[in-house]
Structure formats: C-alpha cells, structure tokens
C-alpha cells in the first residue's frame, strides 16, 4: 500500500514557490493565486496555498503544499506546516533583501517543527546571483542547512532539491531510531 507524505514549499514573495511545484507536479496545480496589489511587481500572488502531487517509483506519493510568501498571509504557514515530513525554503538568489524574510520564515518553521529542511536558491541561472556563502551568511544561525541552487522552472533542478530534502529526512529518521 502506498504512503502519502506532506512536503511544504515556502519562501518569501516571488521566490518561485508556485513555479517550483508546477514544474514537477503530475497534476494540474491547485492554486489560490490572485491579482497582486499595485505595489508588487508581479501579476499574481498566492493567498492561501498551492498544491501539487508526485508519485514516486515505489508508489509512495509526495503532496507538495506551497505557502503564501507575503507577511499578510503568514497565518497560513503554521496551518500548512502541520503534519509535514519536511520543507523547502526557496530564496531568490539574486536578492540579498530576501534573506531577512527567509530568516524570519526559518525561525517560524523551526519553532513549530523539528522537521528537516533545505534551502533552494532560485534564479540560479542568473549571472548576478549570490554565492552559497553569501546566502549562508545572510541566514545565520542556520549554518548547517543544505543550500541547493536551482531554477524552479526545470524539473531536474526541482528533483535535486527534493532529493536533498528526502536525504535529510532519512538521516533524521536514522538518528531518531538510533537514539530510541
């Protein structure tokens, strides 16, 4: 019998969460995108969540839930985090200003859960992207986190981020098993 696992995809506004889920989901993504306000430089924004699904080769299923990135919808973060196996924090690799919001998100999620997580550094294809070291310095004290460059539009990059997260999940499960 197949198992279903919940993975959260979070990050600041316009970091690529909806694109990340859309590029790998085997179903049409259930999205709650609405027109963005005039102050935002993007046509739409997620107001509740995005949902996608991936069936793994062993029949297990990953449910991908994308959170809204704007502070005004941050009440959804804790609600969506319930029951998650792990999470991905996407950060725009071209915007150092995104680090403060990314750090806030990490502080929130690590306060609610000890689930494993990774940082996906989006827009990795850009010439002016920040280095992994600059990102790590921007989100300290989270210096033990895996930072995985990715282009959220490319399935292989998204797979790499998710595989890195699943490896973290397995390491965490083994550590818990050995301690118990």
C-alpha atoms as a PDB file:
ATOM      1  CA  UNK A   1       0.000   0.000   0.000  1.00  0.00           C
ATOM      2  CA  UNK A   2       1.343   3.394  -0.915  1.00  0.00           C
ATOM      3  CA  UNK A   3       2.103   6.059   1.666  1.00  0.00           C
ATOM      4  CA  UNK A   4       1.424   9.785   1.368  1.00  0.00           C
ATOM      5  CA  UNK A   5       3.973  12.313   2.610  1.00  0.00           C
ATOM      6  CA  UNK A   6       3.471  16.041   3.023  1.00  0.00           C
ATOM      7  CA  UNK A   7       6.244  18.374   1.862  1.00  0.00           C
ATOM      8  CA  UNK A   8       5.950  22.126   2.299  1.00  0.00           C
ATOM      9  CA  UNK A   9       7.438  24.641  -0.126  1.00  0.00           C
ATOM     10  CA  UNK A  10       7.812  28.050   1.467  1.00  0.00           C
ATOM     11  CA  UNK A  11       9.768  31.247   0.958  1.00  0.00           C
ATOM     12  CA  UNK A  12       9.403  34.996   0.538  1.00  0.00           C
ATOM     13  CA  UNK A  13       7.096  36.618  -2.009  1.00  0.00           C
ATOM     14  CA  UNK A  14       8.162  35.964  -5.610  1.00  0.00           C
ATOM     15  CA  UNK A  15      10.804  33.358  -4.742  1.00  0.00           C
ATOM     16  CA  UNK A  16       9.419  30.749  -7.163  1.00  0.00           C
ATOM     17  CA  UNK A  17       7.206  28.535  -4.975  1.00  0.00           C
ATOM     18  CA  UNK A  18       4.307  28.180  -7.427  1.00  0.00           C
ATOM     19  CA  UNK A  19       6.708  27.650 -10.326  1.00  0.00           C
ATOM     20  CA  UNK A  20       8.667  25.050  -8.328  1.00  0.00           C
ATOM     21  CA  UNK A  21       5.542  22.995  -7.625  1.00  0.00           C
ATOM     22  CA  UNK A  22       4.117  23.467 -11.134  1.00  0.00           C
ATOM     23  CA  UNK A  23       7.285  22.270 -12.827  1.00  0.00           C
ATOM     24  CA  UNK A  24       7.217  18.838 -11.157  1.00  0.00           C
ATOM     25  CA  UNK A  25       3.591  18.129 -10.247  1.00  0.00           C
ATOM     26  CA  UNK A  26       1.935  15.285 -12.138  1.00  0.00           C
ATOM     27  CA  UNK A  27      -1.424  17.005 -11.738  1.00  0.00           C
ATOM     28  CA  UNK A  28      -2.529  20.498 -12.592  1.00  0.00           C
ATOM     29  CA  UNK A  29      -1.535  22.549  -9.577  1.00  0.00           C
ATOM     30  CA  UNK A  30      -4.379  23.640  -7.366  1.00  0.00           C
ATOM     31  CA  UNK A  31      -3.572  27.287  -6.897  1.00  0.00           C
ATOM     32  CA  UNK A  32      -5.037  30.169  -4.944  1.00  0.00           C
ATOM     33  CA  UNK A  33      -3.284  32.871  -6.917  1.00  0.00           C
ATOM     34  CA  UNK A  34      -4.985  36.247  -7.113  1.00  0.00           C
ATOM     35  CA  UNK A  35      -4.048  39.540  -8.692  1.00  0.00           C
ATOM     36  CA  UNK A  36      -1.228  41.181  -6.776  1.00  0.00           C
ATOM     37  CA  UNK A  37      -1.571  44.679  -5.410  1.00  0.00           C
ATOM     38  CA  UNK A  38      -0.240  47.663  -7.324  1.00  0.00           C
ATOM     39  CA  UNK A  39       2.817  47.876  -5.040  1.00  0.00           C
ATOM     40  CA  UNK A  40       4.014  44.390  -6.054  1.00  0.00           C
ATOM     41  CA  UNK A  41       5.906  43.908  -9.282  1.00  0.00           C
ATOM     42  CA  UNK A  42       4.280  40.566 -10.050  1.00  0.00           C
ATOM     43  CA  UNK A  43       0.948  39.908 -11.726  1.00  0.00           C
ATOM     44  CA  UNK A  44      -0.376  37.456  -9.155  1.00  0.00           C
ATOM     45  CA  UNK A  45       0.323  36.137  -5.681  1.00  0.00           C
ATOM     46  CA  UNK A  46      -0.622  33.054  -3.661  1.00  0.00           C
ATOM     47  CA  UNK A  47      -3.149  33.933  -0.962  1.00  0.00           C
ATOM     48  CA  UNK A  48      -3.707  30.554   0.734  1.00  0.00           C
ATOM     49  CA  UNK A  49      -1.703  27.683  -0.789  1.00  0.00           C
ATOM     50  CA  UNK A  50      -0.670  25.786  -3.877  1.00  0.00           C
ATOM     51  CA  UNK A  51      -0.997  22.015  -4.111  1.00  0.00           C
ATOM     52  CA  UNK A  52       0.769  19.520  -6.369  1.00  0.00           C
ATOM     53  CA  UNK A  53       1.451  15.799  -6.310  1.00  0.00           C
ATOM     54  CA  UNK A  54       4.291  13.459  -7.291  1.00  0.00           C
ATOM     55  CA  UNK A  55       4.101   9.667  -7.340  1.00  0.00           C
ATOM     56  CA  UNK A  56       7.458   8.060  -6.593  1.00  0.00           C
ATOM     57  CA  UNK A  57       8.724   4.885  -8.275  1.00  0.00           C
ATOM     58  CA  UNK A  58       7.803   2.769  -5.222  1.00  0.00           C
ATOM     59  CA  UNK A  59       4.214   4.035  -5.315  1.00  0.00           C
ATOM     60  CA  UNK A  60       4.595   6.437  -2.404  1.00  0.00           C
ATOM     61  CA  UNK A  61       3.168   9.906  -3.016  1.00  0.00           C
ATOM     62  CA  UNK A  62       4.518  13.344  -2.160  1.00  0.00           C
ATOM     63  CA  UNK A  63       1.934  16.048  -1.625  1.00  0.00           C
ATOM     64  CA  UNK A  64       3.550  19.428  -2.207  1.00  0.00           C
ATOM     65  CA  UNK A  65       1.979  22.379  -0.426  1.00  0.00           C
ATOM     66  CA  UNK A  66       3.142  25.869  -1.318  1.00  0.00           C
ATOM     67  CA  UNK A  67       2.706  28.633   1.229  1.00  0.00           C
ATOM     68  CA  UNK A  68       1.934  32.260   0.529  1.00  0.00           C
ATOM     69  CA  UNK A  69       5.046  34.419   0.702  1.00  0.00           C
ATOM     70  CA  UNK A  70       3.627  37.713   1.866  1.00  0.00           C
ATOM     71  CA  UNK A  71       3.566  38.624   5.557  1.00  0.00           C
ATOM     72  CA  UNK A  72      -0.144  39.423   5.418  1.00  0.00           C
ATOM     73  CA  UNK A  73      -0.826  35.726   4.733  1.00  0.00           C
ATOM     74  CA  UNK A  74       1.715  34.303   7.195  1.00  0.00           C
ATOM     75  CA  UNK A  75      -1.074  32.910   9.389  1.00  0.00           C
ATOM     76  CA  UNK A  76      -1.284  30.107   6.791  1.00  0.00           C
ATOM     77  CA  UNK A  77       2.301  28.972   7.461  1.00  0.00           C
ATOM     78  CA  UNK A  78       1.612  27.234  10.761  1.00  0.00           C
ATOM     79  CA  UNK A  79      -1.649  25.746   9.496  1.00  0.00           C
ATOM     80  CA  UNK A  80       0.071  24.271   6.437  1.00  0.00           C
ATOM     81  CA  UNK A  81       3.079  23.054   8.446  1.00  0.00           C
ATOM     82  CA  UNK A  82       1.004  20.588  10.473  1.00  0.00           C
ATOM     83  CA  UNK A  83       1.966  17.019   9.609  1.00  0.00           C
ATOM     84  CA  UNK A  84       4.775  17.881   7.213  1.00  0.00           C
ATOM     85  CA  UNK A  85       7.599  15.408   6.643  1.00  0.00           C
ATOM     86  CA  UNK A  86       9.988  18.216   5.706  1.00  0.00           C
ATOM     87  CA  UNK A  87      10.119  21.536   3.925  1.00  0.00           C
ATOM     88  CA  UNK A  88      11.920  23.543   1.290  1.00  0.00           C
ATOM     89  CA  UNK A  89      12.618  27.247   1.806  1.00  0.00           C
ATOM     90  CA  UNK A  90      13.065  28.955  -1.548  1.00  0.00           C
ATOM     91  CA  UNK A  91      15.164  32.124  -1.641  1.00  0.00           C
ATOM     92  CA  UNK A  92      15.697  34.310  -4.692  1.00  0.00           C
ATOM     93  CA  UNK A  93      19.443  34.019  -5.276  1.00  0.00           C
ATOM     94  CA  UNK A  94      19.600  37.460  -6.859  1.00  0.00           C
ATOM     95  CA  UNK A  95      18.096  39.418  -3.947  1.00  0.00           C
ATOM     96  CA  UNK A  96      20.018  39.770  -0.717  1.00  0.00           C
ATOM     97  CA  UNK A  97      16.979  41.633   0.638  1.00  0.00           C
ATOM     98  CA  UNK A  98      15.102  38.297   0.609  1.00  0.00           C
ATOM     99  CA  UNK A  99      17.368  36.933   3.358  1.00  0.00           C
ATOM    100  CA  UNK A 100      15.658  38.816   6.192  1.00  0.00           C
ATOM    101  CA  UNK A 101      12.302  37.357   5.157  1.00  0.00           C
ATOM    102  CA  UNK A 102      13.899  33.939   4.633  1.00  0.00           C
ATOM    103  CA  UNK A 103      15.413  34.078   8.102  1.00  0.00           C
ATOM    104  CA  UNK A 104      12.012  35.017   9.576  1.00  0.00           C
ATOM    105  CA  UNK A 105      10.419  32.076   7.788  1.00  0.00           C
ATOM    106  CA  UNK A 106      13.111  29.682   9.050  1.00  0.00           C
ATOM    107  CA  UNK A 107      12.736  30.965  12.612  1.00  0.00           C
ATOM    108  CA  UNK A 108       8.970  30.447  12.410  1.00  0.00           C
ATOM    109  CA  UNK A 109       9.132  26.939  10.978  1.00  0.00           C
ATOM    110  CA  UNK A 110      11.939  25.712  13.233  1.00  0.00           C
ATOM    111  CA  UNK A 111       9.864  26.978  16.157  1.00  0.00           C
ATOM    112  CA  UNK A 112       6.861  24.893  15.092  1.00  0.00           C
ATOM    113  CA  UNK A 113       8.606  21.740  13.957  1.00  0.00           C
ATOM    114  CA  UNK A 114      11.877  19.853  14.041  1.00  0.00           C
ATOM    115  CA  UNK A 115      11.208  18.532  10.534  1.00  0.00           C
ATOM    116  CA  UNK A 116      14.225  18.565   8.193  1.00  0.00           C
ATOM    117  CA  UNK A 117      14.520  21.339   5.637  1.00  0.00           C
ATOM    118  CA  UNK A 118      16.713  22.595   2.811  1.00  0.00           C
ATOM    119  CA  UNK A 119      17.113  25.974   1.131  1.00  0.00           C
ATOM    120  CA  UNK A 120      16.548  26.103  -2.598  1.00  0.00           C
ATOM    121  CA  UNK A 121      18.411  29.042  -4.109  1.00  0.00           C
ATOM    122  CA  UNK A 122      16.243  30.053  -7.071  1.00  0.00           C
ATOM    123  CA  UNK A 123      17.188  32.004 -10.140  1.00  0.00           C
ATOM    124  CA  UNK A 124      20.469  30.101 -10.064  1.00  0.00           C
ATOM    125  CA  UNK A 125      20.775  30.603 -13.810  1.00  0.00           C
ATOM    126  CA  UNK A 126      21.312  34.371 -13.441  1.00  0.00           C
ATOM    127  CA  UNK A 127      24.756  35.915 -13.803  1.00  0.00           C
ATOM    128  CA  UNK A 128      24.288  38.230 -10.827  1.00  0.00           C
ATOM    129  CA  UNK A 129      23.233  35.567  -8.355  1.00  0.00           C
ATOM    130  CA  UNK A 130      24.705  35.449  -4.882  1.00  0.00           C
ATOM    131  CA  UNK A 131      27.059  32.691  -3.842  1.00  0.00           C
ATOM    132  CA  UNK A 132      26.058  29.946  -1.437  1.00  0.00           C
ATOM    133  CA  UNK A 133      28.451  31.505   1.098  1.00  0.00           C
ATOM    134  CA  UNK A 134      26.689  34.887   0.859  1.00  0.00           C
ATOM    135  CA  UNK A 135      23.343  33.157   1.349  1.00  0.00           C
ATOM    136  CA  UNK A 136      24.654  31.180   4.312  1.00  0.00           C
ATOM    137  CA  UNK A 137      25.988  34.388   5.915  1.00  0.00           C
ATOM    138  CA  UNK A 138      22.600  36.045   5.355  1.00  0.00           C
ATOM    139  CA  UNK A 139      20.610  33.357   7.159  1.00  0.00           C
ATOM    140  CA  UNK A 140      22.929  32.534  10.073  1.00  0.00           C
ATOM    141  CA  UNK A 141      22.410  30.914  12.635  1.00  0.00           C
ATOM    142  CA  UNK A 142      21.117  28.366  10.148  1.00  0.00           C
ATOM    143  CA  UNK A 143      24.635  27.397   9.071  1.00  0.00           C
ATOM    144  CA  UNK A 144      24.053  23.647   8.902  1.00  0.00           C
ATOM    145  CA  UNK A 145      21.361  23.858   6.230  1.00  0.00           C
ATOM    146  CA  UNK A 146      21.845  22.434   2.741  1.00  0.00           C
ATOM    147  CA  UNK A 147      21.702  25.192   0.127  1.00  0.00           C
ATOM    148  CA  UNK A 148      20.831  23.841  -3.311  1.00  0.00           C
ATOM    149  CA  UNK A 149      20.956  26.154  -6.349  1.00  0.00           C
ATOM    150  CA  UNK A 150      18.013  25.600  -8.670  1.00  0.00           C
ATOM    151  CA  UNK A 151      15.981  27.008 -11.485  1.00  0.00           C
ATOM    152  CA  UNK A 152      12.392  26.428 -10.345  1.00  0.00           C
ATOM    153  CA  UNK A 153      11.304  26.103 -13.989  1.00  0.00           C
ATOM    154  CA  UNK A 154      13.448  22.997 -14.565  1.00  0.00           C
ATOM    155  CA  UNK A 155      12.229  19.602 -13.383  1.00  0.00           C
ATOM    156  CA  UNK A 156      15.735  18.234 -12.832  1.00  0.00           C
ATOM    157  CA  UNK A 157      16.669  21.137 -10.552  1.00  0.00           C
ATOM    158  CA  UNK A 158      13.449  20.701  -8.561  1.00  0.00           C
ATOM    159  CA  UNK A 159      14.167  16.958  -8.279  1.00  0.00           C
ATOM    160  CA  UNK A 160      17.642  17.721  -6.940  1.00  0.00           C
ATOM    161  CA  UNK A 161      16.191  19.970  -4.222  1.00  0.00           C
ATOM    162  CA  UNK A 162      13.574  17.373  -3.270  1.00  0.00           C
ATOM    163  CA  UNK A 163      16.096  14.514  -3.252  1.00  0.00           C
ATOM    164  CA  UNK A 164      18.363  16.570  -0.975  1.00  0.00           C
ATOM    165  CA  UNK A 165      15.403  17.123   1.354  1.00  0.00           C
ATOM    166  CA  UNK A 166      14.461  13.430   1.329  1.00  0.00           C
ATOM    167  CA  UNK A 167      18.070  12.508   2.151  1.00  0.00           C
ATOM    168  CA  UNK A 168      17.839  14.866   5.159  1.00  0.00           C
ATOM    169  CA  UNK A 169      14.553  13.204   6.169  1.00  0.00           C
ATOM    170  CA  UNK A 170      16.187   9.750   6.038  1.00  0.00           C
ATOM    171  CA  UNK A 171      19.206  10.950   8.052  1.00  0.00           C
ATOM    172  CA  UNK A 172      16.860  12.410  10.643  1.00  0.00           C
ATOM    173  CA  UNK A 173      14.833   9.173  10.838  1.00  0.00           C
ATOM    174  CA  UNK A 174      18.012   7.122  11.292  1.00  0.00           C
ATOM    175  CA  UNK A 175      19.243   9.427  14.059  1.00  0.00           C
ATOM    176  CA  UNK A 176      15.909   9.174  15.869  1.00  0.00           C
ATOM    177  CA  UNK A 177      15.929   5.386  15.507  1.00  0.00           C
ATOM    178  CA  UNK A 178      19.480   5.113  16.905  1.00  0.00           C
ATOM    179  CA  UNK A 179      18.653   7.403  19.825  1.00  0.00           C
ATOM    180  CA  UNK A 180      15.484   5.440  20.686  1.00  0.00           C
END
